[in-house]
C-alpha atoms as a PDB file:
ATOM      1  CA  MET A   1      72.453  95.114 160.750  1.00  0.00           C
ATOM      2  CA  LYS A   2      73.144  98.155 158.254  1.00  0.00           C
ATOM      3  CA  ILE A   3      76.774  97.993 158.724  1.00  0.00           C
ATOM      4  CA  LYS A   4      76.961  94.293 157.916  1.00  0.00           C
ATOM      5  CA  SER A   5      74.833  94.787 154.808  1.00  0.00           C
ATOM      6  CA  LEU A   6      76.997  97.866 153.705  1.00  0.00           C
ATOM      7  CA  PHE A   7      80.142  95.721 154.292  1.00  0.00           C
ATOM      8  CA  ALA A   8      78.705  92.806 152.426  1.00  0.00           C
ATOM      9  CA  ILE A   9      77.969  94.968 149.471  1.00  0.00           C
ATOM     10  CA  LEU A  10      81.064  96.763 149.473  1.00  0.00           C
ATOM     11  CA  PHE A  11      82.906  93.532 149.482  1.00  0.00           C
ATOM     12  CA  CYS A  12      81.092  92.046 146.539  1.00  0.00           C
ATOM     13  CA  LEU A  13      81.756  95.265 144.710  1.00  0.00           C
ATOM     14  CA  VAL A  14      85.536  95.200 145.516  1.00  0.00           C
ATOM     15  CA  LEU A  15      85.516  91.379 144.466  1.00  0.00           C
ATOM     16  CA  SER A  16      83.743  91.840 141.248  1.00  0.00           C
ATOM     17  CA  LEU A  17      86.182  94.631 140.148  1.00  0.00           C
ATOM     18  CA  SER A  18      89.145  92.545 141.111  1.00  0.00           C
ATOM     19  CA  LEU A  19      87.647  89.730 138.804  1.00  0.00           C
ATOM     20  CA  VAL A  20      87.027  92.080 136.006  1.00  0.00           C
ATOM     21  CA  ALA A  21      90.489  93.389 136.203  1.00  0.00           C
ATOM     22  CA  CYS A  22      92.068  90.088 135.971  1.00  0.00           C
ATOM     23  CA  GLY A  23      89.869  88.686 133.175  1.00  0.00           C
ATOM     24  CA  GLY A  24      91.065  91.302 130.639  1.00  0.00           C
ATOM     25  CA  GLU A  25      93.274  90.851 127.751  1.00  0.00           C
ATOM     26  CA  THR A  26      97.089  90.972 128.420  1.00  0.00           C
ATOM     27  CA  ALA A  27      98.453  94.186 127.021  1.00  0.00           C
ATOM     28  CA  GLU A  28     101.000  93.758 124.164  1.00  0.00           C
ATOM     29  CA  LYS A  29     104.518  94.313 125.303  1.00  0.00           C
ATOM     30  CA  ASN A  30     105.966  97.566 123.909  1.00  0.00           C
ATOM     31  CA  VAL A  31     109.589  96.541 122.731  1.00  0.00           C
ATOM     32  CA  ASP A  32     111.740  98.242 120.331  1.00  0.00           C
ATOM     33  CA  LEU A  33     113.409  95.258 118.430  1.00  0.00           C
ATOM     34  CA  ASN A  34     116.199  97.506 117.052  1.00  0.00           C
ATOM     35  CA  ALA A  35     117.120  98.227 120.511  1.00  0.00           C
ATOM     36  CA  VAL A  36     117.110  94.433 121.298  1.00  0.00           C
ATOM     37  CA  MET A  37     119.179  93.696 118.273  1.00  0.00           C
ATOM     38  CA  THR A  38     121.845  96.405 119.475  1.00  0.00           C
ATOM     39  CA  GLU A  39     121.998  94.747 122.837  1.00  0.00           C
ATOM     40  CA  VAL A  40     122.451  91.369 121.265  1.00  0.00           C
ATOM     41  CA  ASN A  41     125.278  92.642 118.907  1.00  0.00           C
ATOM     42  CA  ASN A  42     127.069  94.453 121.752  1.00  0.00           C
ATOM     43  CA  LYS A  43     126.647  91.458 124.266  1.00  0.00           C
ATOM     44  CA  HIS A  44     127.453  88.605 121.941  1.00  0.00           C
ATOM     45  CA  GLY A  45     130.318  90.458 119.934  1.00  0.00           C
ATOM     46  CA  LEU A  46     128.311  90.630 116.557  1.00  0.00           C
ATOM     47  CA  SER A  47     130.218  93.534 114.643  1.00  0.00           C
ATOM     48  CA  SER A  48     129.002  95.268 111.960  1.00  0.00           C
ATOM     49  CA  GLU A  49     132.264  94.274 110.031  1.00  0.00           C
ATOM     50  CA  ASN A  50     131.355  90.723 110.149  1.00  0.00           C
ATOM     51  CA  MET A  51     127.523  90.892 109.897  1.00  0.00           C
ATOM     52  CA  ASN A  52     124.741  92.243 107.372  1.00  0.00           C
ATOM     53  CA  THR A  53     121.529  93.924 108.494  1.00  0.00           C
ATOM     54  CA  ILE A  54     118.067  94.028 106.841  1.00  0.00           C
ATOM     55  CA  SER A  55     116.353  97.296 107.451  1.00  0.00           C
ATOM     56  CA  ASP A  56     113.666  97.330 104.622  1.00  0.00           C
ATOM     57  CA  ALA A  57     110.436  95.428 104.343  1.00  0.00           C
ATOM     58  CA  GLU A  58     111.148  94.784 100.669  1.00  0.00           C
ATOM     59  CA  THR A  59     114.345  92.925 101.359  1.00  0.00           C
ATOM     60  CA  LEU A  60     112.739  91.101 104.400  1.00  0.00           C
ATOM     61  CA  GLU A  61     110.028  89.822 101.867  1.00  0.00           C
ATOM     62  CA  LEU A  62     112.687  88.952  99.083  1.00  0.00           C
ATOM     63  CA  TYR A  63     114.948  87.015 101.404  1.00  0.00           C
ATOM     64  CA  TYR A  64     112.646  85.395 103.859  1.00  0.00           C
ATOM     65  CA  GLY A  65     108.916  85.533 102.164  1.00  0.00           C
ATOM     66  CA  ILE A  66     107.542  87.729 105.284  1.00  0.00           C
ATOM     67  CA  LYS A  67     105.109  90.161 103.778  1.00  0.00           C
ATOM     68  CA  ALA A  68     105.098  93.686 104.775  1.00  0.00           C
ATOM     69  CA  GLU A  69     101.474  93.880 105.883  1.00  0.00           C
ATOM     70  CA  ASP A  70     102.361  91.011 108.395  1.00  0.00           C
ATOM     71  CA  VAL A  71     105.027  92.990 110.213  1.00  0.00           C
ATOM     72  CA  LYS A  72     104.750  95.773 112.863  1.00  0.00           C
ATOM     73  CA  GLN A  73     108.638  95.918 113.173  1.00  0.00           C
ATOM     74  CA  PHE A  74     111.700  93.759 112.623  1.00  0.00           C
ATOM     75  CA  ALA A  75     115.284  93.381 113.293  1.00  0.00           C
ATOM     76  CA  VAL A  76     117.640  91.160 111.319  1.00  0.00           C
ATOM     77  CA  THR A  77     121.349  90.546 111.580  1.00  0.00           C
ATOM     78  CA  THR A  78     123.018  87.840 109.348  1.00  0.00           C
ATOM     79  CA  THR A  79     126.564  86.662 108.916  1.00  0.00           C
ATOM     80  CA  LYS A  80     128.478  87.842 105.761  1.00  0.00           C
ATOM     81  CA  THR A  81     130.392  84.536 105.650  1.00  0.00           C
ATOM     82  CA  PRO A  82     127.551  81.777 105.542  1.00  0.00           C
ATOM     83  CA  ALA A  83     130.035  79.192 104.351  1.00  0.00           C
ATOM     84  CA  THR A  84     131.987  79.362 107.520  1.00  0.00           C
ATOM     85  CA  ASP A  85     129.406  81.139 109.901  1.00  0.00           C
ATOM     86  CA  ALA A  86     125.741  80.095 110.556  1.00  0.00           C
ATOM     87  CA  THR A  87     124.701  83.136 112.505  1.00  0.00           C
ATOM     88  CA  GLU A  88     121.172  84.483 111.503  1.00  0.00           C
ATOM     89  CA  ILE A  89     119.292  86.475 113.998  1.00  0.00           C
ATOM     90  CA  ILE A  90     115.730  87.384 112.976  1.00  0.00           C
ATOM     91  CA  LEU A  91     113.171  89.248 115.249  1.00  0.00           C
ATOM     92  CA  VAL A  92     109.798  90.074 114.080  1.00  0.00           C
ATOM     93  CA  GLU A  93     106.799  91.586 115.775  1.00  0.00           C
ATOM     94  CA  ALA A  94     103.789  90.547 113.602  1.00  0.00           C
ATOM     95  CA  LYS A  95     100.852  92.642 113.564  1.00  0.00           C
ATOM     96  CA  ASP A  96      98.366  90.134 114.987  1.00  0.00           C
ATOM     97  CA  ALA A  97      98.116  86.401 115.799  1.00  0.00           C
ATOM     98  CA  ASP A  98      97.300  85.386 112.283  1.00  0.00           C
ATOM     99  CA  SER A  99     100.189  87.363 110.832  1.00  0.00           C
ATOM    100  CA  ALA A 100     102.557  85.660 113.581  1.00  0.00           C
ATOM    101  CA  LYS A 101     101.633  82.245 112.192  1.00  0.00           C
ATOM    102  CA  ARG A 102     102.452  83.231 108.740  1.00  0.00           C
ATOM    103  CA  VAL A 103     105.807  84.823 110.015  1.00  0.00           C
ATOM    104  CA  LYS A 104     106.557  81.581 111.868  1.00  0.00           C
ATOM    105  CA  GLU A 105     105.862  79.490 108.836  1.00  0.00           C
ATOM    106  CA  ALA A 106     108.234  81.925 106.766  1.00  0.00           C
ATOM    107  CA  LEU A 107     110.891  81.579 109.408  1.00  0.00           C
ATOM    108  CA  THR A 108     110.484  77.766 109.795  1.00  0.00           C
ATOM    109  CA  ASN A 109     111.027  77.598 105.922  1.00  0.00           C
ATOM    110  CA  GLU A 110     114.387  79.782 106.462  1.00  0.00           C
ATOM    111  CA  TYR A 111     115.389  77.571 109.235  1.00  0.00           C
ATOM    112  CA  ASN A 112     114.811  74.322 107.123  1.00  0.00           C
ATOM    113  CA  ARG A 113     116.760  76.021 104.259  1.00  0.00           C
ATOM    114  CA  LEU A 114     119.848  76.839 106.613  1.00  0.00           C
ATOM    115  CA  ALA A 115     119.918  73.102 107.982  1.00  0.00           C
ATOM    116  CA  SER A 116     119.916  71.966 104.423  1.00  0.00           C
ATOM    117  CA  ASN A 117     122.601  74.230 103.343  1.00  0.00           C
ATOM    118  CA  SER A 118     124.483  73.859 106.463  1.00  0.00           C
ATOM    119  CA  ALA A 119     124.618  70.034 106.078  1.00  0.00           C
ATOM    120  CA  SER A 120     126.262  70.507 102.703  1.00  0.00           C
ATOM    121  CA  TYR A 121     129.086  72.929 104.419  1.00  0.00           C
ATOM    122  CA  SER A 122     130.146  71.146 107.527  1.00  0.00           C
ATOM    123  CA  PRO A 123     128.879  69.186 110.427  1.00  0.00           C
ATOM    124  CA  GLU A 124     129.999  72.083 112.763  1.00  0.00           C
ATOM    125  CA  LEU A 125     127.653  74.454 111.012  1.00  0.00           C
ATOM    126  CA  LEU A 126     124.646  71.910 110.815  1.00  0.00           C
ATOM    127  CA  ASP A 127     125.363  71.614 114.595  1.00  0.00           C
ATOM    128  CA  VAL A 128     124.859  75.264 115.147  1.00  0.00           C
ATOM    129  CA  VAL A 129     121.579  75.226 113.221  1.00  0.00           C
ATOM    130  CA  SER A 130     120.375  72.064 114.772  1.00  0.00           C
ATOM    131  CA  ASN A 131     120.677  73.895 118.260  1.00  0.00           C
ATOM    132  CA  SER A 132     118.470  76.721 117.044  1.00  0.00           C
ATOM    133  CA  LYS A 133     114.829  77.064 116.622  1.00  0.00           C
ATOM    134  CA  VAL A 134     112.037  79.341 115.553  1.00  0.00           C
ATOM    135  CA  GLU A 135     109.959  80.456 118.560  1.00  0.00           C
ATOM    136  CA  THR A 136     107.010  82.758 119.207  1.00  0.00           C
ATOM    137  CA  VAL A 137     105.889  84.780 122.267  1.00  0.00           C
ATOM    138  CA  GLY A 138     102.393  86.648 121.554  1.00  0.00           C
ATOM    139  CA  ASN A 139     102.997  88.267 118.274  1.00  0.00           C
ATOM    140  CA  PHE A 140     106.839  88.131 118.358  1.00  0.00           C
ATOM    141  CA  VAL A 141     108.371  85.606 116.336  1.00  0.00           C
ATOM    142  CA  THR A 142     112.235  84.764 116.298  1.00  0.00           C
ATOM    143  CA  LEU A 143     114.754  82.702 114.630  1.00  0.00           C
ATOM    144  CA  ILE A 144     118.168  82.737 116.311  1.00  0.00           C
ATOM    145  CA  VAL A 145     120.804  80.878 114.802  1.00  0.00           C
ATOM    146  CA  HIS A 146     124.118  81.365 116.634  1.00  0.00           C
ATOM    147  CA  SER A 147     126.887  79.175 118.240  1.00  0.00           C
ATOM    148  CA  GLN A 148     125.628  80.480 121.566  1.00  0.00           C
ATOM    149  CA  ALA A 149     122.027  80.313 120.552  1.00  0.00           C
ATOM    150  CA  LYS A 150     120.847  79.404 124.176  1.00  0.00           C
ATOM    151  CA  ASP A 151     122.402  82.615 125.568  1.00  0.00           C
ATOM    152  CA  VAL A 152     121.279  84.966 122.661  1.00  0.00           C
ATOM    153  CA  THR A 153     117.988  83.662 123.150  1.00  0.00           C
ATOM    154  CA  GLU A 154     118.119  84.489 126.741  1.00  0.00           C
ATOM    155  CA  THR A 155     119.085  88.020 126.065  1.00  0.00           C
ATOM    156  CA  VAL A 156     116.293  88.415 123.435  1.00  0.00           C
ATOM    157  CA  TYR A 157     113.573  87.009 125.589  1.00  0.00           C
ATOM    158  CA  SER A 158     114.560  89.161 128.685  1.00  0.00           C
ATOM    159  CA  PHE A 159     113.109  91.961 126.556  1.00  0.00           C
ATOM    160  CA  LEU A 160     110.189  90.031 125.185  1.00  0.00           C
ATOM    161  CA  LYS A 161     108.729  88.196 128.309  1.00  0.00           C
END
């Protein structure tokens, strides 16, 4: 009888520990967005001679309205020829969920601006922008505008998910 009681107590202890372990918050994924952007550039042929990068928070706020206090890290690559190429890849890790909402709003505004500008340049550019979108995974917010947005998105999200 004592052995059954001991096994029952041990079973309850193991079960309760496993439930506690499963109920915790998911740890934030540790991702270096500059390394992700390097992989995107290499894999999808985005050379530095055709692309601009943004590396300081002041320029990020100036161009996109994303405040430095909302950002943990970011990586940005944009085309040097917006009249003929709509490529714009913006990867941001926000500091928390509220910051992620503000970053998403700013990137949605940028997406809408790109759509409006592309409509006045050419149907091809508008098509590229229309096949792109702002997405969020946890505190990561992305805007990926590229002629092969689906493939670029898969590359980026292989690191984020």
